[in-house]
N, C-alpha and C. Protein backbone atom coordinates (compact mmCIF):
# COMPACT_ATOMS: atom_id res chain seq x y z
N MET A 1 -11.68 -17.70 -30.13
CA MET A 1 -10.35 -17.99 -29.65
C MET A 1 -9.60 -16.70 -29.32
N LYS A 2 -9.76 -15.66 -30.15
CA LYS A 2 -9.06 -14.40 -29.90
C LYS A 2 -9.52 -13.76 -28.60
N LYS A 3 -10.82 -13.80 -28.32
CA LYS A 3 -11.33 -13.21 -27.08
C LYS A 3 -10.76 -13.92 -25.85
N ALA A 4 -10.65 -15.23 -25.90
CA ALA A 4 -10.11 -15.99 -24.78
C ALA A 4 -8.64 -15.64 -24.57
N LEU A 5 -7.87 -15.47 -25.63
CA LEU A 5 -6.46 -15.12 -25.52
C LEU A 5 -6.30 -13.73 -24.92
N VAL A 6 -7.10 -12.77 -25.36
CA VAL A 6 -7.03 -11.42 -24.80
C VAL A 6 -7.39 -11.44 -23.32
N ALA A 7 -8.43 -12.19 -22.95
CA ALA A 7 -8.82 -12.27 -21.54
C ALA A 7 -7.70 -12.87 -20.70
N LEU A 8 -7.02 -13.87 -21.21
CA LEU A 8 -5.92 -14.48 -20.49
C LEU A 8 -4.75 -13.50 -20.33
N LEU A 9 -4.42 -12.78 -21.38
CA LEU A 9 -3.31 -11.83 -21.32
C LEU A 9 -3.59 -10.68 -20.35
N VAL A 10 -4.83 -10.25 -20.25
CA VAL A 10 -5.18 -9.17 -19.33
C VAL A 10 -5.24 -9.68 -17.89
N ALA A 11 -5.63 -10.94 -17.69
CA ALA A 11 -5.73 -11.48 -16.34
C ALA A 11 -4.37 -11.74 -15.72
N VAL A 12 -3.38 -12.07 -16.49
CA VAL A 12 -2.06 -12.38 -15.95
C VAL A 12 -1.43 -11.20 -15.22
N PRO A 13 -1.45 -9.96 -15.77
CA PRO A 13 -0.85 -8.85 -15.03
C PRO A 13 -1.51 -8.59 -13.68
N LEU A 14 -2.78 -8.89 -13.52
CA LEU A 14 -3.44 -8.69 -12.23
C LEU A 14 -2.72 -9.50 -11.15
N LEU A 15 -2.40 -10.73 -11.43
CA LEU A 15 -1.71 -11.56 -10.44
C LEU A 15 -0.30 -11.05 -10.20
N ALA A 16 0.38 -10.65 -11.26
CA ALA A 16 1.75 -10.16 -11.10
C ALA A 16 1.77 -8.82 -10.38
N PHE A 17 0.81 -7.95 -10.66
CA PHE A 17 0.79 -6.63 -10.08
C PHE A 17 0.39 -6.68 -8.61
N ALA A 18 -0.48 -7.62 -8.24
CA ALA A 18 -0.94 -7.71 -6.87
C ALA A 18 0.14 -8.21 -5.93
N ALA A 19 1.10 -8.93 -6.46
CA ALA A 19 2.18 -9.47 -5.63
C ALA A 19 3.22 -8.39 -5.34
N GLY A 20 4.09 -8.67 -4.39
CA GLY A 20 5.21 -7.79 -4.14
C GLY A 20 4.90 -6.59 -3.28
N GLY A 21 3.92 -6.67 -2.43
CA GLY A 21 3.66 -5.60 -1.49
C GLY A 21 2.61 -4.60 -1.91
N LYS A 22 1.88 -4.87 -2.97
CA LYS A 22 0.77 -4.00 -3.35
C LYS A 22 -0.53 -4.70 -2.98
N ALA A 23 -1.36 -4.06 -2.22
CA ALA A 23 -2.61 -4.67 -1.79
C ALA A 23 -3.61 -4.70 -2.93
N PHE A 24 -4.59 -5.59 -2.82
CA PHE A 24 -5.59 -5.74 -3.86
C PHE A 24 -6.36 -4.45 -4.12
N ALA A 25 -6.63 -3.65 -3.10
CA ALA A 25 -7.37 -2.40 -3.31
C ALA A 25 -6.65 -1.50 -4.31
N LEU A 26 -5.34 -1.37 -4.19
CA LEU A 26 -4.56 -0.55 -5.11
C LEU A 26 -4.45 -1.22 -6.48
N SER A 27 -4.15 -2.51 -6.51
CA SER A 27 -4.02 -3.22 -7.78
C SER A 27 -5.32 -3.18 -8.57
N ASN A 28 -6.44 -3.43 -7.91
CA ASN A 28 -7.73 -3.40 -8.59
C ASN A 28 -8.05 -2.00 -9.10
N GLY A 29 -7.73 -0.98 -8.31
CA GLY A 29 -7.98 0.40 -8.74
C GLY A 29 -7.19 0.77 -9.98
N VAL A 30 -5.93 0.36 -10.03
CA VAL A 30 -5.10 0.65 -11.21
C VAL A 30 -5.64 -0.07 -12.44
N LEU A 31 -5.95 -1.35 -12.30
CA LEU A 31 -6.48 -2.09 -13.44
C LEU A 31 -7.82 -1.53 -13.92
N ASN A 32 -8.71 -1.18 -12.99
CA ASN A 32 -9.99 -0.58 -13.38
C ASN A 32 -9.79 0.75 -14.09
N THR A 33 -8.80 1.52 -13.69
CA THR A 33 -8.53 2.80 -14.33
C THR A 33 -8.05 2.61 -15.76
N PHE A 34 -7.16 1.66 -15.98
CA PHE A 34 -6.60 1.46 -17.32
C PHE A 34 -7.48 0.68 -18.26
N PHE A 35 -8.27 -0.27 -17.76
CA PHE A 35 -9.01 -1.15 -18.65
C PHE A 35 -10.52 -1.03 -18.57
N ARG A 36 -11.03 -0.21 -17.65
CA ARG A 36 -12.47 -0.02 -17.52
C ARG A 36 -12.74 1.47 -17.38
N THR A 37 -13.93 1.83 -16.99
CA THR A 37 -14.27 3.25 -16.88
C THR A 37 -14.28 3.76 -15.45
N THR A 38 -13.78 2.99 -14.52
CA THR A 38 -13.74 3.40 -13.11
C THR A 38 -12.39 4.03 -12.81
N ALA A 39 -12.39 5.29 -12.43
CA ALA A 39 -11.13 5.99 -12.16
C ALA A 39 -10.65 5.71 -10.73
N LEU A 40 -9.35 5.58 -10.58
CA LEU A 40 -8.73 5.45 -9.27
C LEU A 40 -8.52 6.85 -8.72
N SER A 41 -9.07 7.13 -7.55
CA SER A 41 -8.86 8.45 -6.96
C SER A 41 -7.83 8.34 -5.84
N ALA A 42 -6.91 9.27 -5.84
CA ALA A 42 -5.85 9.27 -4.83
C ALA A 42 -6.42 9.70 -3.48
N PRO A 43 -5.96 9.09 -2.39
CA PRO A 43 -6.43 9.50 -1.07
C PRO A 43 -5.93 10.91 -0.74
N ALA A 44 -6.67 11.61 0.09
CA ALA A 44 -6.28 12.97 0.51
C ALA A 44 -4.98 12.93 1.31
N ASN A 45 -4.77 11.87 2.05
CA ASN A 45 -3.57 11.70 2.85
C ASN A 45 -3.29 10.21 2.95
N THR A 46 -2.11 9.86 3.38
CA THR A 46 -1.78 8.45 3.61
C THR A 46 -1.37 8.29 5.07
N TYR A 47 -1.50 7.07 5.57
CA TYR A 47 -1.25 6.80 6.98
C TYR A 47 -0.39 5.55 7.11
N GLY A 48 0.60 5.63 7.97
CA GLY A 48 1.47 4.49 8.23
C GLY A 48 0.88 3.61 9.31
N GLY A 49 0.97 2.31 9.11
CA GLY A 49 0.49 1.34 10.10
C GLY A 49 1.55 0.28 10.35
N LEU A 50 1.50 -0.33 11.51
CA LEU A 50 2.46 -1.36 11.90
C LEU A 50 1.75 -2.70 12.04
N PHE A 51 2.46 -3.78 11.69
CA PHE A 51 1.88 -5.12 11.71
C PHE A 51 2.69 -6.07 12.57
N SER A 52 1.99 -6.94 13.29
CA SER A 52 2.67 -8.03 14.00
C SER A 52 2.79 -9.24 13.09
N VAL A 53 1.88 -9.38 12.13
CA VAL A 53 1.93 -10.41 11.09
C VAL A 53 1.82 -9.67 9.76
N CYS A 54 2.81 -9.83 8.91
CA CYS A 54 2.85 -9.09 7.64
C CYS A 54 1.71 -9.50 6.71
N PRO A 55 1.20 -8.54 5.96
CA PRO A 55 0.18 -8.87 4.96
C PRO A 55 0.78 -9.72 3.84
N THR A 56 -0.09 -10.36 3.10
CA THR A 56 0.28 -11.05 1.87
C THR A 56 -0.72 -10.62 0.82
N THR A 57 -0.57 -11.10 -0.39
CA THR A 57 -1.55 -10.74 -1.42
C THR A 57 -2.93 -11.29 -1.10
N GLY A 58 -3.02 -12.28 -0.22
CA GLY A 58 -4.31 -12.89 0.12
C GLY A 58 -4.96 -12.37 1.38
N ASN A 59 -4.26 -11.57 2.18
CA ASN A 59 -4.89 -11.05 3.40
C ASN A 59 -4.21 -9.74 3.81
N THR A 60 -4.81 -9.07 4.78
CA THR A 60 -4.28 -7.77 5.22
C THR A 60 -3.39 -7.88 6.43
N GLY A 61 -2.96 -9.10 6.79
CA GLY A 61 -2.06 -9.26 7.93
C GLY A 61 -2.76 -8.95 9.24
N THR A 62 -1.96 -8.75 10.30
CA THR A 62 -2.50 -8.41 11.61
C THR A 62 -1.90 -7.09 12.04
N GLU A 63 -2.72 -6.04 11.97
CA GLU A 63 -2.26 -4.72 12.39
C GLU A 63 -2.25 -4.67 13.91
N LEU A 64 -1.28 -3.96 14.47
CA LEU A 64 -1.24 -3.79 15.92
C LEU A 64 -2.52 -3.12 16.40
N ASN A 65 -2.86 -3.33 17.66
CA ASN A 65 -3.95 -2.57 18.27
C ASN A 65 -3.77 -2.58 19.77
N GLY A 66 -4.37 -1.61 20.44
CA GLY A 66 -4.23 -1.49 21.88
C GLY A 66 -2.90 -0.89 22.29
N ASN A 67 -2.67 -0.75 23.58
CA ASN A 67 -1.44 -0.21 24.15
C ASN A 67 -1.10 1.18 23.60
N GLY A 68 -2.11 1.94 23.23
CA GLY A 68 -1.88 3.30 22.73
C GLY A 68 -1.58 3.41 21.25
N TYR A 69 -1.65 2.28 20.51
CA TYR A 69 -1.31 2.29 19.08
C TYR A 69 -2.37 3.03 18.26
N THR A 70 -1.92 3.85 17.35
CA THR A 70 -2.74 4.43 16.29
C THR A 70 -1.87 4.55 15.04
N ARG A 71 -2.51 4.57 13.90
CA ARG A 71 -1.77 4.83 12.67
C ARG A 71 -1.26 6.27 12.73
N THR A 72 -0.17 6.50 12.04
CA THR A 72 0.40 7.84 12.00
C THR A 72 0.14 8.46 10.64
N SER A 73 -0.08 9.75 10.64
CA SER A 73 -0.27 10.45 9.38
C SER A 73 1.06 10.54 8.66
N ALA A 74 1.10 10.01 7.46
CA ALA A 74 2.33 10.09 6.66
C ALA A 74 2.42 11.49 6.05
N VAL A 75 3.47 11.76 5.36
CA VAL A 75 3.67 13.07 4.75
C VAL A 75 2.64 13.26 3.63
N ALA A 76 2.04 14.43 3.57
CA ALA A 76 1.01 14.73 2.58
C ALA A 76 1.56 14.62 1.17
N LYS A 77 0.70 14.20 0.25
CA LYS A 77 1.17 14.10 -1.14
C LYS A 77 1.53 15.49 -1.65
N GLY A 78 2.51 15.55 -2.51
CA GLY A 78 2.98 16.82 -3.05
C GLY A 78 4.04 17.49 -2.20
N ASP A 79 4.27 16.97 -0.98
CA ASP A 79 5.29 17.54 -0.10
C ASP A 79 6.67 17.26 -0.69
N ALA A 80 7.59 18.20 -0.52
CA ALA A 80 8.94 18.08 -1.10
C ALA A 80 9.74 16.95 -0.50
N SER A 81 9.32 16.39 0.63
CA SER A 81 10.09 15.31 1.24
C SER A 81 9.88 13.96 0.54
N TRP A 82 8.93 13.88 -0.39
CA TRP A 82 8.78 12.67 -1.20
C TRP A 82 9.79 12.75 -2.35
N THR A 83 10.65 11.75 -2.48
CA THR A 83 11.65 11.71 -3.53
C THR A 83 11.33 10.54 -4.46
N TYR A 84 11.13 10.83 -5.73
CA TYR A 84 10.75 9.81 -6.72
C TYR A 84 11.91 9.54 -7.66
N THR A 85 12.17 8.27 -7.93
CA THR A 85 13.16 7.87 -8.92
C THR A 85 12.43 7.00 -9.94
N ALA A 86 12.47 7.41 -11.20
CA ALA A 86 11.76 6.70 -12.26
C ALA A 86 12.39 5.34 -12.54
N ALA A 87 11.57 4.42 -13.01
CA ALA A 87 12.05 3.09 -13.39
C ALA A 87 12.92 3.19 -14.64
N THR A 88 13.89 2.31 -14.71
CA THR A 88 14.73 2.18 -15.89
C THR A 88 14.72 0.72 -16.31
N TYR A 89 15.41 0.39 -17.37
CA TYR A 89 15.45 -1.01 -17.80
C TYR A 89 16.23 -1.88 -16.82
N ILE A 90 17.00 -1.28 -15.91
CA ILE A 90 17.75 -2.08 -14.94
C ILE A 90 17.26 -1.91 -13.50
N GLY A 91 16.25 -1.09 -13.27
CA GLY A 91 15.80 -0.89 -11.89
C GLY A 91 14.35 -0.44 -11.81
N ALA A 92 13.71 -0.79 -10.72
CA ALA A 92 12.31 -0.43 -10.48
C ALA A 92 12.20 1.02 -10.02
N ALA A 93 11.04 1.61 -10.21
CA ALA A 93 10.76 2.95 -9.70
C ALA A 93 10.70 2.90 -8.18
N THR A 94 11.12 3.97 -7.54
CA THR A 94 11.05 4.05 -6.08
C THR A 94 10.52 5.42 -5.67
N ILE A 95 9.91 5.45 -4.51
CA ILE A 95 9.53 6.72 -3.91
C ILE A 95 9.89 6.63 -2.43
N LYS A 96 10.52 7.68 -1.92
CA LYS A 96 10.98 7.69 -0.52
C LYS A 96 10.44 8.93 0.17
N ASN A 97 10.17 8.76 1.44
CA ASN A 97 9.81 9.87 2.30
C ASN A 97 11.03 10.14 3.17
N THR A 98 11.58 11.33 3.10
CA THR A 98 12.79 11.63 3.88
C THR A 98 12.48 12.04 5.32
N ASN A 99 11.21 12.25 5.65
CA ASN A 99 10.83 12.58 7.02
C ASN A 99 10.57 11.32 7.85
N ALA A 100 10.86 11.36 9.11
CA ALA A 100 10.58 10.24 10.00
C ALA A 100 9.08 10.17 10.30
N LEU A 101 8.56 8.98 10.42
CA LEU A 101 7.18 8.78 10.85
C LEU A 101 7.23 8.31 12.30
N SER A 102 6.49 8.99 13.16
CA SER A 102 6.51 8.67 14.59
C SER A 102 5.20 8.02 14.99
N PHE A 103 5.31 6.99 15.81
CA PHE A 103 4.15 6.31 16.35
C PHE A 103 4.08 6.58 17.85
N PRO A 104 2.89 6.48 18.45
CA PRO A 104 2.76 6.74 19.88
C PRO A 104 3.55 5.74 20.71
N ALA A 105 3.93 6.16 21.90
CA ALA A 105 4.65 5.29 22.82
C ALA A 105 3.73 4.18 23.31
N VAL A 106 4.30 3.03 23.57
CA VAL A 106 3.55 1.90 24.11
C VAL A 106 3.11 2.24 25.53
N THR A 107 1.84 1.94 25.85
CA THR A 107 1.34 2.27 27.18
C THR A 107 1.48 1.14 28.18
N SER A 108 1.61 -0.10 27.73
CA SER A 108 1.79 -1.21 28.68
C SER A 108 2.71 -2.26 28.04
N ASN A 109 2.19 -3.35 27.53
CA ASN A 109 3.01 -4.41 26.95
C ASN A 109 3.68 -3.93 25.66
N ALA A 110 4.90 -4.38 25.44
CA ALA A 110 5.63 -4.00 24.23
C ALA A 110 5.00 -4.63 22.99
N TRP A 111 5.14 -3.95 21.87
CA TRP A 111 4.67 -4.47 20.59
C TRP A 111 5.78 -5.26 19.93
N SER A 112 5.41 -6.24 19.15
CA SER A 112 6.34 -6.96 18.30
C SER A 112 5.97 -6.59 16.87
N VAL A 113 6.80 -5.78 16.22
CA VAL A 113 6.49 -5.26 14.89
C VAL A 113 7.25 -6.07 13.84
N ALA A 114 6.50 -6.59 12.86
CA ALA A 114 7.10 -7.38 11.79
C ALA A 114 7.25 -6.58 10.50
N CYS A 115 6.33 -5.65 10.24
CA CYS A 115 6.42 -4.86 9.01
C CYS A 115 5.54 -3.62 9.10
N PHE A 116 5.59 -2.84 8.06
CA PHE A 116 4.99 -1.51 7.99
C PHE A 116 4.11 -1.44 6.74
N GLY A 117 3.01 -0.71 6.81
CA GLY A 117 2.14 -0.56 5.64
C GLY A 117 1.63 0.85 5.49
N ILE A 118 1.14 1.17 4.32
CA ILE A 118 0.54 2.48 4.03
C ILE A 118 -0.95 2.28 3.75
N TRP A 119 -1.76 3.06 4.44
CA TRP A 119 -3.22 3.00 4.35
C TRP A 119 -3.76 4.30 3.76
N ASP A 120 -5.02 4.28 3.32
CA ASP A 120 -5.65 5.49 2.80
C ASP A 120 -6.55 6.18 3.83
N ALA A 121 -6.53 5.70 5.08
CA ALA A 121 -7.37 6.31 6.13
C ALA A 121 -6.72 6.09 7.49
N ALA A 122 -7.04 6.96 8.44
CA ALA A 122 -6.49 6.87 9.79
C ALA A 122 -7.03 5.65 10.54
N THR A 123 -8.24 5.24 10.26
CA THR A 123 -8.82 4.02 10.82
C THR A 123 -9.54 3.30 9.69
N THR A 124 -9.70 2.03 9.82
CA THR A 124 -10.26 1.17 8.75
C THR A 124 -9.60 1.52 7.42
N GLY A 125 -10.37 1.81 6.38
CA GLY A 125 -9.79 2.17 5.09
C GLY A 125 -9.18 0.99 4.37
N ASN A 126 -8.37 1.30 3.35
CA ASN A 126 -7.74 0.29 2.51
C ASN A 126 -6.23 0.27 2.71
N LEU A 127 -5.69 -0.91 2.89
CA LEU A 127 -4.24 -1.07 2.87
C LEU A 127 -3.82 -0.92 1.41
N LEU A 128 -2.80 -0.09 1.15
CA LEU A 128 -2.34 0.14 -0.22
C LEU A 128 -1.08 -0.63 -0.54
N VAL A 129 -0.06 -0.45 0.26
CA VAL A 129 1.22 -1.14 0.06
C VAL A 129 1.80 -1.50 1.42
N TRP A 130 2.71 -2.48 1.41
CA TRP A 130 3.44 -2.83 2.62
C TRP A 130 4.84 -3.20 2.26
């Protein structure tokens, strides 16, 4: 009975952590780091991507493509333009990039952008947050 209760208590945060704009790749990496022997390694850089259909916890949404679209390189980790505010009992932790991220100009038909995401690679890779 004790093993089943522990398994249930550990499984519940996975569902809660995966929701709210964190992709499964990031959520799984954090859980594996804390509860197993697989370490989460930080990406060398992060990349901004645009979506016509926003991701959910169950899918990666629909990223734009064509018309000159490419992901943009976000600010490198450790750069002073990242501003972190720690969580408190009344507010969540936040991190902000004070630099603008620029995307290429549209080459033909206009894009319809619904949301923005952060990836760990310039192409393919893992969606981390949106």
